[in-house]
Amino acid sequence: MKIDGGPEKNKWEWSFQLGHSDFRRGDLSGVEDNKQEAADKIKAAFARYLEYPSDKGGGSGL
């Protein structure tokens, strides 16, 4: 989501909402300088989610 005001105006906020427990302790949100960087962070978080064991909050084995 593009930030429209404040000191981070025109930067991009991202967050990844899947997972729980151990998985949620990772890098799952942030602010990036451009849209592509934010999209890349979401893609990386999703890939990590798919590899993380489901009994520890990830999506592996689902």
PDB file of N, CA and C in Angstrom:
ATOM      1  N   MET A   1       0.839  -1.152   0.000  1.00  0.00           N
ATOM      2  CA  MET A   1       0.000   0.000   0.000  1.00  0.00           C
ATOM      3  C   MET A   1       0.903   1.239   0.000  1.00  0.00           C
ATOM      4  N   LYS A   2       0.626   2.161  -0.867  1.00  0.00           N
ATOM      5  CA  LYS A   2       1.417   3.374  -0.961  1.00  0.00           C
ATOM      6  C   LYS A   2       1.049   4.324   0.186  1.00  0.00           C
ATOM      7  N   ILE A   3       2.049   4.888   0.815  1.00  0.00           N
ATOM      8  CA  ILE A   3       1.850   5.825   1.925  1.00  0.00           C
ATOM      9  C   ILE A   3       1.663   7.217   1.335  1.00  0.00           C
ATOM     10  N   ASP A   4       0.563   7.889   1.712  1.00  0.00           N
ATOM     11  CA  ASP A   4       0.209   9.168   1.106  1.00  0.00           C
ATOM     12  C   ASP A   4       0.584  10.397   1.933  1.00  0.00           C
ATOM     13  N   GLY A   5       1.122  10.220   3.122  1.00  0.00           N
ATOM     14  CA  GLY A   5       1.453  11.395   3.924  1.00  0.00           C
ATOM     15  C   GLY A   5       2.498  11.085   4.977  1.00  0.00           C
ATOM     16  N   GLY A   6       2.949  12.122   5.646  1.00  0.00           N
ATOM     17  CA  GLY A   6       3.919  11.952   6.712  1.00  0.00           C
ATOM     18  C   GLY A   6       5.336  11.814   6.195  1.00  0.00           C
ATOM     19  N   PRO A   7       6.254  11.473   7.094  1.00  0.00           N
ATOM     20  CA  PRO A   7       7.664  11.408   6.713  1.00  0.00           C
ATOM     21  C   PRO A   7       7.998  10.273   5.734  1.00  0.00           C
ATOM     22  N   GLU A   8       7.111   9.296   5.597  1.00  0.00           N
ATOM     23  CA  GLU A   8       7.351   8.185   4.663  1.00  0.00           C
ATOM     24  C   GLU A   8       6.492   8.294   3.407  1.00  0.00           C
ATOM     25  N   LYS A   9       6.014   9.501   3.117  1.00  0.00           N
ATOM     26  CA  LYS A   9       5.168   9.726   1.947  1.00  0.00           C
ATOM     27  C   LYS A   9       5.846   9.169   0.687  1.00  0.00           C
ATOM     28  N   ASN A  10       5.038   8.529  -0.130  1.00  0.00           N
ATOM     29  CA  ASN A  10       5.432   7.923  -1.405  1.00  0.00           C
ATOM     30  C   ASN A  10       6.251   6.647  -1.262  1.00  0.00           C
ATOM     31  N   LYS A  11       6.419   6.160  -0.055  1.00  0.00           N
ATOM     32  CA  LYS A  11       7.026   4.838   0.132  1.00  0.00           C
ATOM     33  C   LYS A  11       5.906   3.807   0.151  1.00  0.00           C
ATOM     34  N   TRP A  12       6.293   2.532   0.217  1.00  0.00           N
ATOM     35  CA  TRP A  12       5.317   1.449   0.141  1.00  0.00           C
ATOM     36  C   TRP A  12       5.374   0.591   1.402  1.00  0.00           C
ATOM     37  N   GLU A  13       4.214   0.448   2.054  1.00  0.00           N
ATOM     38  CA  GLU A  13       4.090  -0.391   3.249  1.00  0.00           C
ATOM     39  C   GLU A  13       3.600  -1.769   2.813  1.00  0.00           C
ATOM     40  N   TRP A  14       4.177  -2.803   3.412  1.00  0.00           N
ATOM     41  CA  TRP A  14       3.760  -4.161   3.078  1.00  0.00           C
ATOM     42  C   TRP A  14       3.610  -4.975   4.356  1.00  0.00           C
ATOM     43  N   SER A  15       2.776  -6.005   4.291  1.00  0.00           N
ATOM     44  CA  SER A  15       2.647  -6.937   5.418  1.00  0.00           C
ATOM     45  C   SER A  15       2.150  -8.277   4.896  1.00  0.00           C
ATOM     46  N   PHE A  16       2.555  -9.328   5.597  1.00  0.00           N
ATOM     47  CA  PHE A  16       2.174 -10.694   5.269  1.00  0.00           C
ATOM     48  C   PHE A  16       1.438 -11.251   6.477  1.00  0.00           C
ATOM     49  N   GLN A  17       0.185 -11.691   6.292  1.00  0.00           N
ATOM     50  CA  GLN A  17      -0.679 -12.031   7.421  1.00  0.00           C
ATOM     51  C   GLN A  17      -0.875 -13.521   7.679  1.00  0.00           C
ATOM     52  N   LEU A  18      -0.357 -14.400   6.839  1.00  0.00           N
ATOM     53  CA  LEU A  18      -0.533 -15.832   7.066  1.00  0.00           C
ATOM     54  C   LEU A  18       0.450 -16.337   8.115  1.00  0.00           C
ATOM     55  N   GLY A  19       0.152 -17.489   8.659  1.00  0.00           N
ATOM     56  CA  GLY A  19       1.057 -18.126   9.607  1.00  0.00           C
ATOM     57  C   GLY A  19       0.755 -17.753  11.051  1.00  0.00           C
ATOM     58  N   HIS A  20       1.398 -18.479  11.960  1.00  0.00           N
ATOM     59  CA  HIS A  20       1.226 -18.209  13.392  1.00  0.00           C
ATOM     60  C   HIS A  20       2.447 -18.723  14.135  1.00  0.00           C
ATOM     61  N   SER A  21       2.451 -18.553  15.426  1.00  0.00           N
ATOM     62  CA  SER A  21       3.486 -19.065  16.333  1.00  0.00           C
ATOM     63  C   SER A  21       4.894 -18.720  15.874  1.00  0.00           C
ATOM     64  N   ASP A  22       5.739 -19.735  15.746  1.00  0.00           N
ATOM     65  CA  ASP A  22       7.152 -19.536  15.404  1.00  0.00           C
ATOM     66  C   ASP A  22       7.328 -18.764  14.092  1.00  0.00           C
ATOM     67  N   PHE A  23       6.522 -19.064  13.101  1.00  0.00           N
ATOM     68  CA  PHE A  23       6.666 -18.411  11.802  1.00  0.00           C
ATOM     69  C   PHE A  23       6.491 -16.897  11.905  1.00  0.00           C
ATOM     70  N   ARG A  24       5.582 -16.438  12.763  1.00  0.00           N
ATOM     71  CA  ARG A  24       5.274 -15.011  12.864  1.00  0.00           C
ATOM     72  C   ARG A  24       6.428 -14.199  13.449  1.00  0.00           C
ATOM     73  N   ARG A  25       7.457 -14.839  13.939  1.00  0.00           N
ATOM     74  CA  ARG A  25       8.599 -14.118  14.514  1.00  0.00           C
ATOM     75  C   ARG A  25       9.543 -13.577  13.447  1.00  0.00           C
ATOM     76  N   GLY A  26       9.306 -13.907  12.203  1.00  0.00           N
ATOM     77  CA  GLY A  26      10.184 -13.463  11.119  1.00  0.00           C
ATOM     78  C   GLY A  26       9.828 -12.075  10.611  1.00  0.00           C
ATOM     79  N   ASP A  27      10.449 -11.691   9.516  1.00  0.00           N
ATOM     80  CA  ASP A  27      10.249 -10.402   8.873  1.00  0.00           C
ATOM     81  C   ASP A  27       8.963 -10.452   8.060  1.00  0.00           C
ATOM     82  N   LEU A  28       7.870  -9.905   8.601  1.00  0.00           N
ATOM     83  CA  LEU A  28       6.568 -10.032   7.949  1.00  0.00           C
ATOM     84  C   LEU A  28       5.901  -8.703   7.627  1.00  0.00           C
ATOM     85  N   SER A  29       6.592  -7.594   7.823  1.00  0.00           N
ATOM     86  CA  SER A  29       6.047  -6.295   7.450  1.00  0.00           C
ATOM     87  C   SER A  29       7.178  -5.276   7.381  1.00  0.00           C
ATOM     88  N   GLY A  30       6.903  -4.189   6.681  1.00  0.00           N
ATOM     89  CA  GLY A  30       7.911  -3.149   6.600  1.00  0.00           C
ATOM     90  C   GLY A  30       7.515  -2.049   5.641  1.00  0.00           C
ATOM     91  N   VAL A  31       8.430  -1.137   5.418  1.00  0.00           N
ATOM     92  CA  VAL A  31       8.241  -0.020   4.499  1.00  0.00           C
ATOM     93  C   VAL A  31       9.425  -0.007   3.544  1.00  0.00           C
ATOM     94  N   GLU A  32       9.122   0.079   2.255  1.00  0.00           N
ATOM     95  CA  GLU A  32      10.159   0.063   1.225  1.00  0.00           C
ATOM     96  C   GLU A  32      10.077   1.330   0.379  1.00  0.00           C
ATOM     97  N   ASP A  33      11.156   1.626  -0.311  1.00  0.00           N
ATOM     98  CA  ASP A  33      11.221   2.833  -1.134  1.00  0.00           C
ATOM     99  C   ASP A  33      10.347   2.777  -2.373  1.00  0.00           C
ATOM    100  N   ASN A  34      10.111   1.578  -2.900  1.00  0.00           N
ATOM    101  CA  ASN A  34       9.284   1.501  -4.109  1.00  0.00           C
ATOM    102  C   ASN A  34       8.414   0.244  -4.096  1.00  0.00           C
ATOM    103  N   LYS A  35       7.455   0.228  -5.005  1.00  0.00           N
ATOM    104  CA  LYS A  35       6.467  -0.843  -5.082  1.00  0.00           C
ATOM    105  C   LYS A  35       7.107  -2.205  -5.335  1.00  0.00           C
ATOM    106  N   GLN A  36       8.096  -2.253  -6.217  1.00  0.00           N
ATOM    107  CA  GLN A  36       8.725  -3.533  -6.543  1.00  0.00           C
ATOM    108  C   GLN A  36       9.438  -4.131  -5.332  1.00  0.00           C
ATOM    109  N   GLU A  37      10.118  -3.301  -4.546  1.00  0.00           N
ATOM    110  CA  GLU A  37      10.787  -3.801  -3.343  1.00  0.00           C
ATOM    111  C   GLU A  37       9.768  -4.374  -2.360  1.00  0.00           C
ATOM    112  N   ALA A  38       8.632  -3.699  -2.200  1.00  0.00           N
ATOM    113  CA  ALA A  38       7.576  -4.194  -1.308  1.00  0.00           C
ATOM    114  C   ALA A  38       7.023  -5.526  -1.824  1.00  0.00           C
ATOM    115  N   ALA A  39       6.793  -5.622  -3.136  1.00  0.00           N
ATOM    116  CA  ALA A  39       6.286  -6.866  -3.720  1.00  0.00           C
ATOM    117  C   ALA A  39       7.283  -8.000  -3.530  1.00  0.00           C
ATOM    118  N   ASP A  40       8.560  -7.703  -3.689  1.00  0.00           N
ATOM    119  CA  ASP A  40       9.590  -8.730  -3.504  1.00  0.00           C
ATOM    120  C   ASP A  40       9.620  -9.237  -2.065  1.00  0.00           C
ATOM    121  N   LYS A  41       9.393  -8.358  -1.103  1.00  0.00           N
ATOM    122  CA  LYS A  41       9.368  -8.767   0.311  1.00  0.00           C
ATOM    123  C   LYS A  41       8.181  -9.690   0.587  1.00  0.00           C
ATOM    124  N   ILE A  42       7.028  -9.378  -0.004  1.00  0.00           N
ATOM    125  CA  ILE A  42       5.847 -10.231   0.173  1.00  0.00           C
ATOM    126  C   ILE A  42       6.087 -11.597  -0.464  1.00  0.00           C
ATOM    127  N   LYS A  43       6.658 -11.620  -1.661  1.00  0.00           N
ATOM    128  CA  LYS A  43       6.954 -12.883  -2.331  1.00  0.00           C
ATOM    129  C   LYS A  43       7.919 -13.726  -1.504  1.00  0.00           C
ATOM    130  N   ALA A  44       8.923 -13.099  -0.927  1.00  0.00           N
ATOM    131  CA  ALA A  44       9.895 -13.822  -0.106  1.00  0.00           C
ATOM    132  C   ALA A  44       9.230 -14.375   1.154  1.00  0.00           C
ATOM    133  N   ALA A  45       8.356 -13.588   1.769  1.00  0.00           N
ATOM    134  CA  ALA A  45       7.652 -14.056   2.966  1.00  0.00           C
ATOM    135  C   ALA A  45       6.745 -15.239   2.629  1.00  0.00           C
ATOM    136  N   PHE A  46       6.069 -15.188   1.479  1.00  0.00           N
ATOM    137  CA  PHE A  46       5.195 -16.285   1.069  1.00  0.00           C
ATOM    138  C   PHE A  46       6.007 -17.549   0.784  1.00  0.00           C
ATOM    139  N   ALA A  47       7.130 -17.405   0.125  1.00  0.00           N
ATOM    140  CA  ALA A  47       7.981 -18.565  -0.146  1.00  0.00           C
ATOM    141  C   ALA A  47       8.461 -19.187   1.163  1.00  0.00           C
ATOM    142  N   ARG A  48       8.848 -18.347   2.118  1.00  0.00           N
ATOM    143  CA  ARG A  48       9.289 -18.852   3.426  1.00  0.00           C
ATOM    144  C   ARG A  48       8.132 -19.551   4.141  1.00  0.00           C
ATOM    145  N   TYR A  49       6.928 -18.985   4.048  1.00  0.00           N
ATOM    146  CA  TYR A  49       5.739 -19.594   4.642  1.00  0.00           C
ATOM    147  C   TYR A  49       5.502 -20.996   4.071  1.00  0.00           C
ATOM    148  N   LEU A  50       5.607 -21.141   2.760  1.00  0.00           N
ATOM    149  CA  LEU A  50       5.367 -22.436   2.122  1.00  0.00           C
ATOM    150  C   LEU A  50       6.408 -23.480   2.519  1.00  0.00           C
ATOM    151  N   GLU A  51       7.595 -23.054   2.876  1.00  0.00           N
ATOM    152  CA  GLU A  51       8.657 -23.980   3.273  1.00  0.00           C
ATOM    153  C   GLU A  51       8.653 -24.274   4.768  1.00  0.00           C
ATOM    154  N   TYR A  52       8.025 -23.432   5.559  1.00  0.00           N
ATOM    155  CA  TYR A  52       8.050 -23.566   7.016  1.00  0.00           C
ATOM    156  C   TYR A  52       7.089 -24.667   7.462  1.00  0.00           C
ATOM    157  N   PRO A  53       7.458 -25.510   8.403  1.00  0.00           N
ATOM    158  CA  PRO A  53       6.585 -26.625   8.835  1.00  0.00           C
ATOM    159  C   PRO A  53       5.224 -26.147   9.357  1.00  0.00           C
ATOM    160  N   SER A  54       4.187 -26.850   8.967  1.00  0.00           N
ATOM    161  CA  SER A  54       2.837 -26.447   9.374  1.00  0.00           C
ATOM    162  C   SER A  54       2.637 -26.567  10.883  1.00  0.00           C
ATOM    163  N   ASP A  55       3.320 -27.486  11.544  1.00  0.00           N
ATOM    164  CA  ASP A  55       3.145 -27.605  12.995  1.00  0.00           C
ATOM    165  C   ASP A  55       3.834 -26.466  13.760  1.00  0.00           C
ATOM    166  N   LYS A  56       4.579 -25.628  13.035  1.00  0.00           N
ATOM    167  CA  LYS A  56       5.218 -24.462  13.648  1.00  0.00           C
ATOM    168  C   LYS A  56       4.683 -23.162  13.080  1.00  0.00           C
ATOM    169  N   GLY A  57       3.535 -23.225  12.392  1.00  0.00           N
ATOM    170  CA  GLY A  57       2.874 -22.024  11.903  1.00  0.00           C
ATOM    171  C   GLY A  57       3.024 -21.739  10.443  1.00  0.00           C
ATOM    172  N   GLY A  58       3.716 -22.565   9.696  1.00  0.00           N
ATOM    173  CA  GLY A  58       3.903 -22.344   8.269  1.00  0.00           C
ATOM    174  C   GLY A  58       2.921 -23.134   7.426  1.00  0.00           C
ATOM    175  N   GLY A  59       3.169 -23.169   6.142  1.00  0.00           N
ATOM    176  CA  GLY A  59       2.254 -23.828   5.218  1.00  0.00           C
ATOM    177  C   GLY A  59       2.755 -25.135   4.649  1.00  0.00           C
ATOM    178  N   SER A  60       3.945 -25.563   5.018  1.00  0.00           N
ATOM    179  CA  SER A  60       4.480 -26.808   4.494  1.00  0.00           C
ATOM    180  C   SER A  60       3.666 -27.993   5.004  1.00  0.00           C
ATOM    181  N   GLY A  61       3.301 -28.850   4.109  1.00  0.00           N
ATOM    182  CA  GLY A  61       2.558 -30.049   4.497  1.00  0.00           C
ATOM    183  C   GLY A  61       1.058 -29.845   4.518  1.00  0.00           C
ATOM    184  N   LEU A  62       0.578 -28.672   4.120  1.00  0.00           N
ATOM    185  CA  LEU A  62      -0.873 -28.448   4.113  1.00  0.00           C
ATOM    186  C   LEU A  62      -1.491 -28.970   2.849  1.00  0.00           C
TER     187      LEU A  62
END
